[in-house]
Amino acid sequence: MMNALTSDPALTAAQGRVQALGSPATAQAGNRQQAEEFEAIFLNTMFQSMFAGLEEGGGTWGGGAGSDAWSGMLVEQFSDTIARAGGIGIADSIQRELLALQETPGQ
């Protein structure tokens, strides 16, 4: 008689996904995504500081009640776009470090 767990299609599919997650190509793609997200956060922080207090009476952000929210969203989009387009080199360094940590035995 066949075990109920071995014939469950959902369990079989889940096991396949777990095995796929362990593949080197998937790990490298995940590392790249994490590195780009880190770079985007860094750029966002840098841009927020750079644009702080810039033309408070209107100008670039338009002034008004929604200008703070608008400026925050615009800076976030700038950061994400720059990071995905190659960034300033931080993601490359982070990805190398993540790969080195994964290759170190006992970690």
Protein backbone atom coordinates (compact mmCIF):
# COMPACT_ATOMS: atom_id res chain seq x y z
CA MET A 1 0.00 0.00 0.00
CA MET A 2 1.31 3.45 -0.94
CA ASN A 3 1.95 5.97 1.80
CA ALA A 4 -0.44 8.97 1.68
CA LEU A 5 2.46 11.43 1.91
CA THR A 6 4.30 10.04 -1.10
CA SER A 7 1.23 10.29 -3.33
CA ASP A 8 0.19 13.81 -2.33
CA PRO A 9 0.67 16.09 -5.38
CA ALA A 10 0.94 19.24 -3.22
CA LEU A 11 3.76 17.70 -1.18
CA THR A 12 5.56 16.56 -4.33
CA ALA A 13 5.29 20.06 -5.82
CA ALA A 14 6.56 21.64 -2.59
CA GLN A 15 9.55 19.29 -2.52
CA GLY A 16 10.36 20.28 -6.10
CA ARG A 17 10.27 23.97 -5.16
CA VAL A 18 12.57 23.37 -2.19
CA GLN A 19 15.06 21.52 -4.39
CA ALA A 20 14.91 24.34 -6.97
CA LEU A 21 15.63 26.91 -4.25
CA GLY A 22 18.81 25.06 -3.41
CA SER A 23 20.23 25.29 -6.92
CA PRO A 24 23.30 27.53 -7.39
CA ALA A 25 21.66 29.56 -10.17
CA THR A 26 18.64 30.32 -7.99
CA ALA A 27 20.86 31.24 -5.05
CA GLN A 28 22.92 33.57 -7.22
CA ALA A 29 19.79 35.27 -8.60
CA GLY A 30 18.47 35.69 -5.07
CA ASN A 31 21.78 37.14 -3.93
CA ARG A 32 21.71 39.61 -6.81
CA GLN A 33 18.19 40.71 -5.94
CA GLN A 34 19.12 41.19 -2.28
CA ALA A 35 22.23 43.15 -3.26
CA GLU A 36 20.20 45.44 -5.55
CA GLU A 37 17.61 45.98 -2.81
CA PHE A 38 20.38 46.93 -0.38
CA GLU A 39 21.83 49.38 -2.91
CA ALA A 40 18.37 50.89 -3.50
CA ILE A 41 17.93 51.43 0.24
CA PHE A 42 21.38 53.05 0.45
CA LEU A 43 20.61 55.32 -2.52
CA ASN A 44 17.22 56.20 -1.04
CA THR A 45 18.88 57.30 2.21
CA MET A 46 21.47 59.28 0.31
CA PHE A 47 18.87 61.00 -1.91
CA GLN A 48 16.59 61.78 1.05
CA SER A 49 19.52 63.60 2.70
CA MET A 50 20.46 65.30 -0.53
CA PHE A 51 16.94 66.60 -1.23
CA ALA A 52 16.15 67.57 2.39
CA GLY A 53 15.13 71.23 2.60
CA LEU A 54 15.36 71.73 -1.17
CA GLU A 55 13.17 74.66 -2.20
CA GLU A 56 10.57 74.30 0.54
CA GLY A 57 8.35 76.99 -0.98
CA GLY A 58 7.41 74.96 -4.06
CA GLY A 59 9.90 74.50 -6.83
CA THR A 60 10.96 70.91 -7.46
CA TRP A 61 8.31 69.20 -5.31
CA GLY A 62 5.50 71.65 -6.02
CA GLY A 63 4.76 72.58 -2.39
CA GLY A 64 1.37 71.93 -0.83
CA ALA A 65 0.02 69.28 1.49
CA GLY A 66 1.11 66.26 -0.55
CA SER A 67 4.60 67.38 -1.47
CA ASP A 68 6.27 65.40 1.34
CA ALA A 69 4.61 62.17 0.24
CA TRP A 70 5.27 62.92 -3.41
CA SER A 71 8.94 63.69 -2.84
CA GLY A 72 9.40 60.48 -0.83
CA MET A 73 7.83 58.34 -3.55
CA LEU A 74 9.83 60.07 -6.28
CA VAL A 75 13.10 59.55 -4.41
CA GLU A 76 12.18 55.88 -3.87
CA GLN A 77 11.58 55.44 -7.61
CA PHE A 78 14.87 57.18 -8.42
CA SER A 79 16.68 54.81 -6.05
CA ASP A 80 15.04 51.63 -7.36
CA THR A 81 15.58 52.59 -11.00
CA ILE A 82 19.24 53.45 -10.51
CA ALA A 83 19.91 50.23 -8.55
CA ARG A 84 18.21 48.05 -11.22
CA ALA A 85 20.09 49.83 -14.02
CA GLY A 86 23.49 48.92 -12.59
CA GLY A 87 23.68 51.31 -9.68
CA ILE A 88 26.91 52.74 -8.37
CA GLY A 89 28.70 49.44 -7.73
CA ILE A 90 27.48 48.62 -4.25
CA ALA A 91 25.31 45.70 -5.39
CA ASP A 92 28.28 44.03 -7.11
CA SER A 93 30.34 44.17 -3.90
CA ILE A 94 27.44 42.95 -1.76
CA GLN A 95 26.76 40.05 -4.14
CA ARG A 96 30.42 38.97 -4.04
CA GLU A 97 30.36 39.03 -0.24
CA LEU A 98 27.11 37.03 -0.07
CA LEU A 99 28.53 34.39 -2.40
CA ALA A 100 31.76 34.23 -0.37
CA LEU A 101 29.77 33.73 2.84
CA GLN A 102 27.78 30.91 1.27
CA GLU A 103 30.92 29.16 0.08
CA THR A 104 32.59 29.30 3.49
CA PRO A 105 32.24 25.91 5.22
CA GLY A 106 30.58 25.85 8.62
CA GLN A 107 28.55 29.00 8.05
